[in-house]
Amino acid sequence: MFESFYLVVFALVMEFIDSALGMMYGTVLSPLLILMGYDVKTVVPSILISQAIGGFIASWRHHRLKNANFQSGTTDYRVSTTIIWFGVFACLIGVFISVSISPKILNTYIAVLVIVIGIMILLNKSLIMTAKKIYFLGFLSAFNKALSGGGFGPLVAGGQLVFKDRNEKGAIGSTDFAEAPICLFSFFIWVLLKGLPPLTLMMPLCAGAVVGGFFGPMALSKIKSKKVLKMSLGVLVLVEGLWVIYKVWIR
């Protein structure tokens, strides 16, 4: 009973932060659940389905609160759908090779890339946004999401902020919009290959993610300073990259 309560609270807090700032749910919650004694093969699909549900709620809220605009033809819509299409392909690869690839190598590569993105954001360095760069972000982030349950937000949200003239709130909203169907697709592949995770883990996480996904976009809508938001995201991206390095090589 108490454990289910803790799971709801953990998921609520992490999804609130994730839907407000575009990252942290899987990256933090996945290792936390493993430390609590849950097997990684039940943690990853539980993270995926709960974040899919929370992400769909958050996407609706982002659009309604005008953090992002997901009408057909807008930049937010184009970026999101591009990431989704390439992400679905990456999910297939990620899940199927999850039993053979070295997580240490992949996570180190992801962490280094995230750290570079964080530094570029903080130094106010920018790149021209191109379709190829969006393809790359979508493929790599979804691949890691399907493999480990985390690593999507720092790459997609942080990566977009490196592009010139990319709106901070739109980048966060687009991350949630793209992440939800990718998580859902990855979950179904996991279930087909490895079975349904225990409901005692999955259901509390889903319940917490729904509440967090509803209120997180509201917090984002209240942030007025674009500079403060961008610098906060830069620090958060950098910390997440360093945290992954610590988990992989030091702890």
Protein backbone atom coordinates (compact mmCIF):
# COMPACT_ATOMS: atom_id res chain seq x y z
CA MET A 1 0.00 0.00 0.00
CA PHE A 2 2.69 2.47 1.08
CA GLU A 3 4.90 1.45 -1.83
CA SER A 4 2.11 2.16 -4.31
CA PHE A 5 1.64 5.58 -2.73
CA TYR A 6 5.35 6.35 -3.10
CA LEU A 7 5.26 5.24 -6.73
CA VAL A 8 2.34 7.58 -7.46
CA VAL A 9 4.15 10.49 -5.79
CA PHE A 10 7.45 9.81 -7.57
CA ALA A 11 5.72 9.61 -10.97
CA LEU A 12 3.64 12.72 -10.27
CA VAL A 13 6.67 14.83 -9.33
CA MET A 14 8.83 13.59 -12.19
CA GLU A 15 6.10 14.03 -14.82
CA PHE A 16 5.30 17.49 -13.44
CA ILE A 17 8.95 18.51 -13.93
CA ASP A 18 9.15 16.71 -17.27
CA SER A 19 6.06 18.38 -18.72
CA ALA A 20 7.13 21.77 -17.34
CA LEU A 21 10.76 21.63 -18.50
CA GLY A 22 10.82 18.86 -21.13
CA MET A 23 12.97 16.30 -19.33
CA MET A 24 13.74 14.21 -16.21
CA TYR A 25 10.95 11.59 -16.04
CA GLY A 26 12.66 8.47 -17.36
CA THR A 27 16.22 9.66 -16.76
CA VAL A 28 15.65 10.03 -13.01
CA LEU A 29 12.75 7.64 -12.33
CA SER A 30 14.26 4.64 -14.13
CA PRO A 31 17.44 4.37 -11.98
CA LEU A 32 15.41 5.24 -8.87
CA LEU A 33 13.06 2.30 -9.41
CA ILE A 34 15.99 -0.02 -10.08
CA LEU A 35 17.57 1.11 -6.79
CA MET A 36 14.25 0.27 -5.08
CA GLY A 37 14.71 -3.33 -6.25
CA TYR A 38 12.59 -3.48 -9.41
CA ASP A 39 13.96 -5.42 -12.35
CA VAL A 40 15.03 -3.31 -15.33
CA LYS A 41 12.88 -5.45 -17.66
CA THR A 42 9.76 -4.38 -15.75
CA VAL A 43 10.93 -0.82 -15.09
CA VAL A 44 11.48 0.20 -18.72
CA PRO A 45 8.02 -0.76 -20.08
CA SER A 46 6.32 0.68 -16.99
CA ILE A 47 8.18 3.96 -17.52
CA LEU A 48 7.24 3.93 -21.21
CA ILE A 49 3.48 3.43 -20.78
CA SER A 50 3.16 5.85 -17.86
CA GLN A 51 5.08 8.56 -19.70
CA ALA A 52 3.02 7.96 -22.84
CA ILE A 53 -0.19 8.62 -20.90
CA GLY A 54 1.28 11.60 -19.07
CA GLY A 55 2.70 12.92 -22.33
CA PHE A 56 -0.64 12.83 -24.14
CA ILE A 57 -2.23 14.76 -21.27
CA ALA A 58 0.66 17.25 -21.22
CA SER A 59 0.52 17.77 -25.01
CA TRP A 60 -3.17 18.65 -24.83
CA ARG A 61 -2.46 21.05 -21.97
CA HIS A 62 0.51 22.67 -23.75
CA HIS A 63 -1.67 23.38 -26.78
CA ARG A 64 -4.59 24.64 -24.73
CA LEU A 65 -2.37 26.92 -22.62
CA LYS A 66 -0.59 28.15 -25.80
CA ASN A 67 2.84 26.94 -24.73
CA ALA A 68 2.96 25.31 -28.16
CA ASN A 69 0.81 25.22 -31.29
CA PHE A 70 0.17 21.77 -32.75
CA GLN A 71 -2.08 22.84 -35.60
CA SER A 72 -1.02 21.39 -38.95
CA GLY A 73 1.67 23.46 -40.69
CA THR A 74 3.13 25.13 -37.58
CA THR A 75 6.79 24.75 -36.59
CA ASP A 76 5.84 22.88 -33.42
CA TYR A 77 3.76 20.42 -35.42
CA ARG A 78 6.41 19.87 -38.10
CA VAL A 79 9.20 19.31 -35.59
CA SER A 80 7.09 16.92 -33.52
CA THR A 81 5.89 14.79 -36.44
CA THR A 82 9.40 14.56 -37.91
CA ILE A 83 10.72 13.28 -34.59
CA ILE A 84 7.83 10.83 -34.27
CA TRP A 85 8.36 9.21 -37.67
CA PHE A 86 12.08 8.74 -37.22
CA GLY A 87 11.56 7.85 -33.57
CA VAL A 88 9.23 4.96 -34.38
CA PHE A 89 11.90 3.45 -36.63
CA ALA A 90 14.52 3.95 -33.92
CA CYS A 91 12.26 2.27 -31.34
CA LEU A 92 12.12 -0.90 -33.41
CA ILE A 93 15.90 -1.06 -33.53
CA GLY A 94 16.32 -0.09 -29.87
CA VAL A 95 14.03 -2.74 -28.43
CA PHE A 96 15.25 -5.56 -30.68
CA ILE A 97 18.92 -5.02 -29.85
CA SER A 98 18.39 -4.17 -26.20
CA VAL A 99 19.65 -7.61 -25.21
CA SER A 100 22.96 -7.33 -27.07
CA ILE A 101 24.21 -3.73 -27.16
CA SER A 102 26.44 -2.40 -24.39
CA PRO A 103 24.38 0.13 -22.40
CA LYS A 104 27.63 1.60 -21.13
CA ILE A 105 28.77 2.61 -24.61
CA LEU A 106 25.39 3.98 -25.66
CA ASN A 107 24.76 5.91 -22.44
CA THR A 108 28.24 7.42 -22.52
CA TYR A 109 27.68 8.65 -26.06
CA ILE A 110 24.28 10.08 -25.15
CA ALA A 111 25.70 11.74 -22.02
CA VAL A 112 28.55 13.41 -23.91
CA LEU A 113 26.13 14.72 -26.54
CA VAL A 114 23.78 16.04 -23.86
CA ILE A 115 26.66 17.77 -22.05
CA VAL A 116 27.75 19.47 -25.28
CA ILE A 117 24.16 20.63 -25.89
CA GLY A 118 23.92 21.99 -22.33
CA ILE A 119 27.16 23.94 -22.72
CA MET A 120 26.03 25.37 -26.06
CA ILE A 121 22.76 26.54 -24.52
CA LEU A 122 24.54 28.21 -21.59
CA LEU A 123 27.07 29.89 -23.91
CA ASN A 124 24.18 31.00 -26.15
CA LYS A 125 25.66 29.21 -29.15
CA SER A 126 23.23 28.36 -31.92
CA LEU A 127 22.89 26.33 -35.12
CA ILE A 128 20.62 26.62 -38.12
CA MET A 129 17.70 24.20 -37.77
CA THR A 130 17.61 21.68 -40.64
CA ALA A 131 15.57 18.56 -41.30
CA LYS A 132 18.67 16.36 -41.02
CA LYS A 133 19.45 17.66 -37.54
CA ILE A 134 15.88 17.03 -36.42
CA TYR A 135 16.08 13.51 -37.89
CA PHE A 136 19.25 12.86 -35.93
CA LEU A 137 17.78 14.11 -32.65
CA GLY A 138 14.61 12.09 -33.13
CA PHE A 139 16.38 8.87 -34.06
CA LEU A 140 19.01 8.92 -31.32
CA SER A 141 16.69 10.04 -28.52
CA ALA A 142 13.96 7.49 -29.36
CA PHE A 143 16.55 4.73 -29.70
CA ASN A 144 17.81 5.42 -26.19
CA LYS A 145 14.26 5.78 -24.85
CA ALA A 146 13.27 2.33 -26.10
CA LEU A 147 16.50 0.87 -24.77
CA SER A 148 16.65 2.36 -21.28
CA GLY A 149 13.43 4.28 -20.57
CA GLY A 150 15.25 7.65 -20.40
CA GLY A 151 17.39 10.09 -22.33
CA PHE A 152 14.72 11.51 -24.65
CA GLY A 153 13.99 14.94 -23.16
CA PRO A 154 17.54 16.29 -22.74
CA LEU A 155 18.34 15.53 -26.37
CA VAL A 156 15.10 16.67 -27.99
CA ALA A 157 14.23 19.67 -25.79
CA GLY A 158 17.84 20.72 -25.27
CA GLY A 159 18.79 20.04 -28.88
CA GLN A 160 16.00 22.25 -30.19
CA LEU A 161 17.19 25.16 -28.04
CA VAL A 162 20.53 25.10 -29.84
CA PHE A 163 18.69 26.02 -33.06
CA LYS A 164 18.27 29.68 -33.98
CA ASP A 165 14.89 31.28 -33.27
CA ARG A 166 13.42 28.13 -31.66
CA ASN A 167 10.87 29.10 -29.04
CA GLU A 168 11.67 27.64 -25.61
CA LYS A 169 8.11 26.76 -24.64
CA GLY A 170 7.44 25.38 -28.11
CA ALA A 171 10.51 23.16 -27.82
CA ILE A 172 9.27 21.75 -24.51
CA GLY A 173 5.73 21.21 -25.80
CA SER A 174 7.02 19.55 -28.98
CA THR A 175 9.13 17.20 -26.88
CA ASP A 176 6.08 16.00 -24.95
CA PHE A 177 4.00 15.78 -28.14
CA ALA A 178 6.62 13.63 -29.89
CA GLU A 179 7.56 11.55 -26.87
CA ALA A 180 4.05 10.27 -26.06
CA PRO A 181 3.43 8.15 -29.22
CA ILE A 182 7.07 7.01 -29.28
CA CYS A 183 6.74 5.77 -25.70
CA LEU A 184 3.45 4.06 -26.50
CA PHE A 185 4.89 2.31 -29.55
CA SER A 186 7.98 1.20 -27.61
CA PHE A 187 5.75 -0.15 -24.83
CA PHE A 188 3.77 -2.34 -27.23
CA ILE A 189 6.98 -3.75 -28.69
CA TRP A 190 8.28 -4.51 -25.19
CA VAL A 191 5.03 -6.28 -24.31
CA LEU A 192 5.11 -8.37 -27.50
CA LEU A 193 8.69 -9.44 -26.87
CA LYS A 194 8.87 -9.67 -23.09
CA GLY A 195 5.34 -9.63 -21.70
CA LEU A 196 3.27 -7.19 -19.66
CA PRO A 197 5.01 -5.59 -16.64
CA PRO A 198 3.41 -6.10 -13.20
CA LEU A 199 0.31 -3.98 -12.64
CA THR A 200 1.51 -3.17 -9.11
CA LEU A 201 4.29 -1.11 -10.68
CA MET A 202 2.65 0.07 -13.89
CA MET A 203 -0.67 1.37 -12.55
CA PRO A 204 0.66 3.68 -9.78
CA LEU A 205 3.16 5.18 -12.22
CA CYS A 206 0.38 5.82 -14.75
CA ALA A 207 -1.82 7.44 -12.10
CA GLY A 208 0.96 9.79 -10.98
CA ALA A 209 1.94 10.66 -14.55
CA VAL A 210 -1.63 11.70 -15.42
CA VAL A 211 -1.73 14.23 -12.57
CA GLY A 212 1.80 15.50 -13.22
CA GLY A 213 1.12 15.83 -16.94
CA PHE A 214 -1.96 17.92 -16.26
CA PHE A 215 -0.30 20.47 -13.97
CA GLY A 216 3.23 20.68 -15.41
CA PRO A 217 2.28 22.69 -18.54
CA MET A 218 0.44 25.15 -16.30
CA ALA A 219 3.70 25.84 -14.46
CA LEU A 220 5.47 26.39 -17.79
CA SER A 221 2.80 28.86 -18.92
CA LYS A 222 3.52 31.00 -15.85
CA ILE A 223 7.20 31.48 -16.71
CA LYS A 224 7.53 34.87 -18.40
CA SER A 225 11.30 35.33 -18.85
CA LYS A 226 12.61 33.49 -21.92
CA LYS A 227 16.20 34.05 -20.85
CA VAL A 228 15.64 32.54 -17.40
CA LEU A 229 13.80 29.59 -18.94
CA LYS A 230 16.55 28.95 -21.50
CA MET A 231 19.36 29.20 -18.93
CA SER A 232 17.44 26.94 -16.52
CA LEU A 233 17.03 24.36 -19.28
CA GLY A 234 20.73 24.66 -20.14
CA VAL A 235 21.71 23.93 -16.53
CA LEU A 236 19.24 21.05 -16.32
CA VAL A 237 20.50 19.51 -19.59
CA LEU A 238 24.12 19.80 -18.42
CA VAL A 239 23.33 18.26 -15.02
CA GLU A 240 21.48 15.36 -16.66
CA GLY A 241 24.46 14.62 -18.90
CA LEU A 242 26.88 14.69 -15.97
CA TRP A 243 24.48 12.52 -13.94
CA VAL A 244 24.49 9.84 -16.64
CA ILE A 245 28.31 9.91 -16.76
CA TYR A 246 28.36 9.48 -12.98
CA LYS A 247 25.94 6.54 -13.10
CA VAL A 248 27.83 4.78 -15.88
CA TRP A 249 31.46 5.30 -14.87
CA ILE A 250 31.72 6.32 -11.21
CA ARG A 251 28.92 4.92 -9.06
